[in-house]
Amino acid sequence: MPTYTEAIKFEEAAPQGTIRLVRSGEFYRAYDHSAWLFCCCIAEYKVMRKYVKTLKRDVYYIGFPEKSLFNNIGERTSSKTDFGFDISLTAEETPAEEAYETWKATVQAEESSKGDYNALPMAGADAEREVLRRLREYPLESKSMVECAVFLSELRKLLSNQ
């Protein structure tokens, strides 16, 4: 599984009109320009924006399970790469580059998954409702297994504070 730095470097080397998908565990992710192209040309996914300290900038990405990869790309051609797959778009379906910066400006920054459960202790039904709310809002499809494990640990702490 490549680091953010490796994935972004790989993404930046993508030929024009190509969506680069990077394998991340049992998921595929598209970063920055590829995420934008994927959302514009193939399917809408929730886009995450995360500040990466090693890159000193925001990274934009989408993710989806490995099993749904070929359901998404339709009749487009794909080729295997060192990190995942490249999907080739036709010139007609590739949007104007000016729209990329506008798209980036619309993506909200990812909130930390670190819970605020220590701020106000909850009890009983309130804690359970809060856990259900967080489960519904958590973008599982774009998280790594480690991030999901941390999230579940936080939910357990929230329930054990009762």
C-alpha atoms as a PDB file:
ATOM      1  CA  MET A   1       0.000   0.000   0.000  1.00  0.00           C
ATOM      2  CA  PRO A   2       1.654   3.253  -1.114  1.00  0.00           C
ATOM      3  CA  THR A   3       2.085   6.276   1.135  1.00  0.00           C
ATOM      4  CA  TYR A   4       0.312   9.552   0.371  1.00  0.00           C
ATOM      5  CA  THR A   5       3.565  10.898  -1.039  1.00  0.00           C
ATOM      6  CA  GLU A   6       3.980   7.919  -3.395  1.00  0.00           C
ATOM      7  CA  ALA A   7       0.320   7.985  -4.431  1.00  0.00           C
ATOM      8  CA  ILE A   8       0.370  11.715  -5.191  1.00  0.00           C
ATOM      9  CA  LYS A   9       3.645  11.472  -7.114  1.00  0.00           C
ATOM     10  CA  PHE A  10       2.103   8.617  -9.138  1.00  0.00           C
ATOM     11  CA  GLU A  11      -1.055  10.688  -9.663  1.00  0.00           C
ATOM     12  CA  GLU A  12       0.877  13.722 -10.862  1.00  0.00           C
ATOM     13  CA  ALA A  13       2.549  11.609 -13.568  1.00  0.00           C
ATOM     14  CA  ALA A  14      -0.804  10.531 -15.048  1.00  0.00           C
ATOM     15  CA  PRO A  15      -1.297  11.178 -18.762  1.00  0.00           C
ATOM     16  CA  GLN A  16      -4.027  13.679 -19.647  1.00  0.00           C
ATOM     17  CA  GLY A  17      -7.485  12.113 -19.728  1.00  0.00           C
ATOM     18  CA  THR A  18      -6.449   9.257 -17.424  1.00  0.00           C
ATOM     19  CA  ILE A  19      -7.889   8.404 -14.034  1.00  0.00           C
ATOM     20  CA  ARG A  20      -5.340   6.767 -11.761  1.00  0.00           C
ATOM     21  CA  LEU A  21      -6.744   4.405  -9.135  1.00  0.00           C
ATOM     22  CA  VAL A  22      -4.471   3.406  -6.278  1.00  0.00           C
ATOM     23  CA  ARG A  23      -5.100   0.254  -4.300  1.00  0.00           C
ATOM     24  CA  SER A  24      -5.389   0.844  -0.566  1.00  0.00           C
ATOM     25  CA  GLY A  25      -6.113  -2.417   1.229  1.00  0.00           C
ATOM     26  CA  GLU A  26      -9.422  -3.720  -0.108  1.00  0.00           C
ATOM     27  CA  PHE A  27     -10.315  -0.341  -1.560  1.00  0.00           C
ATOM     28  CA  TYR A  28      -9.301   1.757  -4.519  1.00  0.00           C
ATOM     29  CA  ARG A  29      -8.711   5.464  -4.177  1.00  0.00           C
ATOM     30  CA  ALA A  30      -8.481   8.225  -6.734  1.00  0.00           C
ATOM     31  CA  TYR A  31      -6.518  11.294  -5.663  1.00  0.00           C
ATOM     32  CA  ASP A  32      -6.668  14.949  -6.652  1.00  0.00           C
ATOM     33  CA  HIS A  33      -7.124  15.306 -10.430  1.00  0.00           C
ATOM     34  CA  SER A  34      -8.159  11.660 -10.833  1.00  0.00           C
ATOM     35  CA  ALA A  35     -10.793  12.051  -8.086  1.00  0.00           C
ATOM     36  CA  TRP A  36     -12.198  15.055  -9.929  1.00  0.00           C
ATOM     37  CA  LEU A  37     -12.271  13.221 -13.262  1.00  0.00           C
ATOM     38  CA  PHE A  38     -13.888  10.173 -11.656  1.00  0.00           C
ATOM     39  CA  CYS A  39     -16.640  12.297 -10.091  1.00  0.00           C
ATOM     40  CA  CYS A  40     -17.222  14.264 -13.300  1.00  0.00           C
ATOM     41  CA  CYS A  41     -17.105  11.413 -15.807  1.00  0.00           C
ATOM     42  CA  ILE A  42     -17.895   8.133 -14.071  1.00  0.00           C
ATOM     43  CA  ALA A  43     -19.797   8.354 -10.783  1.00  0.00           C
ATOM     44  CA  GLU A  44     -20.386  10.796  -7.949  1.00  0.00           C
ATOM     45  CA  TYR A  45     -18.666   9.823  -4.715  1.00  0.00           C
ATOM     46  CA  LYS A  46     -18.178  11.741  -1.522  1.00  0.00           C
ATOM     47  CA  VAL A  47     -14.879  13.558  -1.865  1.00  0.00           C
ATOM     48  CA  MET A  48     -12.619  13.846   1.140  1.00  0.00           C
ATOM     49  CA  ARG A  49     -10.101  16.628   1.661  1.00  0.00           C
ATOM     50  CA  LYS A  50      -7.309  16.007   4.116  1.00  0.00           C
ATOM     51  CA  TYR A  51      -4.233  18.051   4.956  1.00  0.00           C
ATOM     52  CA  VAL A  52      -1.138  15.843   4.654  1.00  0.00           C
ATOM     53  CA  LYS A  53       1.807  17.164   6.669  1.00  0.00           C
ATOM     54  CA  THR A  54       4.466  15.367   4.625  1.00  0.00           C
ATOM     55  CA  LEU A  55       3.174  17.024   1.448  1.00  0.00           C
ATOM     56  CA  LYS A  56       2.346  20.323   3.185  1.00  0.00           C
ATOM     57  CA  ARG A  57      -0.937  20.597   1.291  1.00  0.00           C
ATOM     58  CA  ASP A  58      -4.482  19.314   1.036  1.00  0.00           C
ATOM     59  CA  VAL A  59      -5.101  16.016  -0.704  1.00  0.00           C
ATOM     60  CA  TYR A  60      -8.476  15.285  -2.304  1.00  0.00           C
ATOM     61  CA  TYR A  61      -9.613  11.704  -2.682  1.00  0.00           C
ATOM     62  CA  ILE A  62     -12.491   9.302  -3.171  1.00  0.00           C
ATOM     63  CA  GLY A  63     -12.571   5.617  -2.352  1.00  0.00           C
ATOM     64  CA  PHE A  64     -14.662   2.580  -3.115  1.00  0.00           C
ATOM     65  CA  PRO A  65     -14.453  -1.170  -2.518  1.00  0.00           C
ATOM     66  CA  GLU A  66     -12.303  -3.277  -4.812  1.00  0.00           C
ATOM     67  CA  LYS A  67     -15.315  -5.419  -5.723  1.00  0.00           C
ATOM     68  CA  SER A  68     -17.085  -2.489  -7.383  1.00  0.00           C
ATOM     69  CA  LEU A  69     -14.153  -1.328  -9.527  1.00  0.00           C
ATOM     70  CA  PHE A  70     -15.348  -2.730 -12.853  1.00  0.00           C
ATOM     71  CA  ASN A  71     -18.991  -1.884 -12.096  1.00  0.00           C
ATOM     72  CA  ASN A  72     -17.969   1.771 -12.129  1.00  0.00           C
ATOM     73  CA  ILE A  73     -15.852   2.059 -15.256  1.00  0.00           C
ATOM     74  CA  GLY A  74     -18.330   0.642 -17.756  1.00  0.00           C
ATOM     75  CA  GLU A  75     -16.953   0.215 -21.290  1.00  0.00           C
ATOM     76  CA  ARG A  76     -13.869   2.369 -20.748  1.00  0.00           C
ATOM     77  CA  THR A  77     -10.473   0.782 -21.201  1.00  0.00           C
ATOM     78  CA  SER A  78      -8.349   0.123 -18.144  1.00  0.00           C
ATOM     79  CA  SER A  79      -4.795  -1.039 -17.655  1.00  0.00           C
ATOM     80  CA  LYS A  80      -3.039  -2.428 -14.621  1.00  0.00           C
ATOM     81  CA  THR A  81      -0.308  -0.300 -13.019  1.00  0.00           C
ATOM     82  CA  ASP A  82       2.162  -0.791 -10.165  1.00  0.00           C
ATOM     83  CA  PHE A  83      -0.296   0.791  -7.709  1.00  0.00           C
ATOM     84  CA  GLY A  84      -3.680  -0.173  -9.182  1.00  0.00           C
ATOM     85  CA  PHE A  85      -5.374   0.728 -12.458  1.00  0.00           C
ATOM     86  CA  ASP A  86      -5.479   3.507 -15.036  1.00  0.00           C
ATOM     87  CA  ILE A  87      -8.813   4.273 -16.689  1.00  0.00           C
ATOM     88  CA  SER A  88      -8.676   6.034 -20.047  1.00  0.00           C
ATOM     89  CA  LEU A  89     -11.279   8.662 -20.844  1.00  0.00           C
ATOM     90  CA  THR A  90     -12.199   9.824 -24.327  1.00  0.00           C
ATOM     91  CA  ALA A  91     -11.480  13.414 -25.345  1.00  0.00           C
ATOM     92  CA  GLU A  92     -15.230  14.096 -25.583  1.00  0.00           C
ATOM     93  CA  GLU A  93     -15.935  13.140 -21.964  1.00  0.00           C
ATOM     94  CA  THR A  94     -12.932  14.900 -20.411  1.00  0.00           C
ATOM     95  CA  PRO A  95     -14.079  18.192 -18.817  1.00  0.00           C
ATOM     96  CA  ALA A  96     -12.334  21.548 -19.227  1.00  0.00           C
ATOM     97  CA  GLU A  97      -9.350  21.925 -16.877  1.00  0.00           C
ATOM     98  CA  GLU A  98     -10.613  25.260 -15.530  1.00  0.00           C
ATOM     99  CA  ALA A  99     -13.361  23.393 -13.661  1.00  0.00           C
ATOM    100  CA  TYR A 100     -10.799  21.502 -11.533  1.00  0.00           C
ATOM    101  CA  GLU A 101      -9.899  24.502  -9.330  1.00  0.00           C
ATOM    102  CA  THR A 102     -13.586  25.353  -8.880  1.00  0.00           C
ATOM    103  CA  TRP A 103     -14.277  21.755  -7.869  1.00  0.00           C
ATOM    104  CA  LYS A 104     -11.471  21.791  -5.277  1.00  0.00           C
ATOM    105  CA  ALA A 105     -12.923  24.932  -3.707  1.00  0.00           C
ATOM    106  CA  THR A 106     -16.243  23.161  -3.112  1.00  0.00           C
ATOM    107  CA  VAL A 107     -14.789  20.200  -1.196  1.00  0.00           C
ATOM    108  CA  GLN A 108     -15.147  20.493   2.566  1.00  0.00           C
ATOM    109  CA  ALA A 109     -12.195  19.684   4.824  1.00  0.00           C
ATOM    110  CA  GLU A 110     -12.438  16.307   6.513  1.00  0.00           C
ATOM    111  CA  GLU A 111     -13.290  16.563  10.164  1.00  0.00           C
ATOM    112  CA  SER A 112     -11.146  14.567  12.499  1.00  0.00           C
ATOM    113  CA  SER A 113     -12.615  11.235  13.510  1.00  0.00           C
ATOM    114  CA  LYS A 114     -11.366  11.871  17.025  1.00  0.00           C
ATOM    115  CA  GLY A 115     -14.540  12.136  19.031  1.00  0.00           C
ATOM    116  CA  ASP A 116     -15.553  14.920  21.322  1.00  0.00           C
ATOM    117  CA  TYR A 117     -16.974  12.377  23.735  1.00  0.00           C
ATOM    118  CA  ASN A 118     -14.895  13.764  26.622  1.00  0.00           C
ATOM    119  CA  ALA A 119     -16.457  17.201  26.302  1.00  0.00           C
ATOM    120  CA  LEU A 120     -19.874  16.299  27.663  1.00  0.00           C
ATOM    121  CA  PRO A 121     -20.572  12.908  29.176  1.00  0.00           C
ATOM    122  CA  MET A 122     -23.664  11.243  27.778  1.00  0.00           C
ATOM    123  CA  ALA A 123     -25.790   8.536  29.269  1.00  0.00           C
ATOM    124  CA  GLY A 124     -28.159   5.833  28.109  1.00  0.00           C
ATOM    125  CA  ALA A 125     -30.298   6.633  25.089  1.00  0.00           C
ATOM    126  CA  ASP A 126     -28.444   9.897  24.350  1.00  0.00           C
ATOM    127  CA  ALA A 127     -25.139   8.046  23.990  1.00  0.00           C
ATOM    128  CA  GLU A 128     -26.737   5.403  21.795  1.00  0.00           C
ATOM    129  CA  ARG A 129     -28.313   8.066  19.565  1.00  0.00           C
ATOM    130  CA  GLU A 130     -24.933   9.796  19.278  1.00  0.00           C
ATOM    131  CA  VAL A 131     -23.259   6.507  18.290  1.00  0.00           C
ATOM    132  CA  LEU A 132     -25.921   5.868  15.637  1.00  0.00           C
ATOM    133  CA  ARG A 133     -25.563   9.418  14.297  1.00  0.00           C
ATOM    134  CA  ARG A 134     -21.786   9.042  13.991  1.00  0.00           C
ATOM    135  CA  LEU A 135     -22.130   5.638  12.326  1.00  0.00           C
ATOM    136  CA  ARG A 136     -24.498   7.083   9.713  1.00  0.00           C
ATOM    137  CA  GLU A 137     -22.200  10.018   8.968  1.00  0.00           C
ATOM    138  CA  TYR A 138     -18.892   8.153   8.952  1.00  0.00           C
ATOM    139  CA  PRO A 139     -17.531   7.804   5.371  1.00  0.00           C
ATOM    140  CA  LEU A 140     -16.575   4.136   5.696  1.00  0.00           C
ATOM    141  CA  GLU A 141     -15.968   3.694   1.963  1.00  0.00           C
ATOM    142  CA  SER A 142     -13.104   6.170   2.017  1.00  0.00           C
ATOM    143  CA  LYS A 143     -11.371   5.065   5.216  1.00  0.00           C
ATOM    144  CA  SER A 144      -8.551   2.620   5.776  1.00  0.00           C
ATOM    145  CA  MET A 145      -8.969  -0.354   8.090  1.00  0.00           C
ATOM    146  CA  VAL A 146      -6.861   1.406  10.736  1.00  0.00           C
ATOM    147  CA  GLU A 147      -9.012   4.546  10.595  1.00  0.00           C
ATOM    148  CA  CYS A 148     -12.133   2.385  10.980  1.00  0.00           C
ATOM    149  CA  ALA A 149     -10.629   0.574  13.979  1.00  0.00           C
ATOM    150  CA  VAL A 150      -9.833   3.921  15.664  1.00  0.00           C
ATOM    151  CA  PHE A 151     -13.363   5.121  14.935  1.00  0.00           C
ATOM    152  CA  LEU A 152     -14.893   1.991  16.494  1.00  0.00           C
ATOM    153  CA  SER A 153     -12.647   2.360  19.522  1.00  0.00           C
ATOM    154  CA  GLU A 154     -13.921   5.908  20.004  1.00  0.00           C
ATOM    155  CA  LEU A 155     -17.518   4.715  19.783  1.00  0.00           C
ATOM    156  CA  ARG A 156     -16.834   2.074  22.431  1.00  0.00           C
ATOM    157  CA  LYS A 157     -15.372   4.739  24.724  1.00  0.00           C
ATOM    158  CA  LEU A 158     -18.425   6.895  24.167  1.00  0.00           C
ATOM    159  CA  LEU A 159     -20.706   4.031  25.220  1.00  0.00           C
ATOM    160  CA  SER A 160     -18.509   3.019  28.175  1.00  0.00           C
ATOM    161  CA  ASN A 161     -18.674   6.565  29.636  1.00  0.00           C
ATOM    162  CA  GLN A 162     -22.275   5.850  30.693  1.00  0.00           C
END
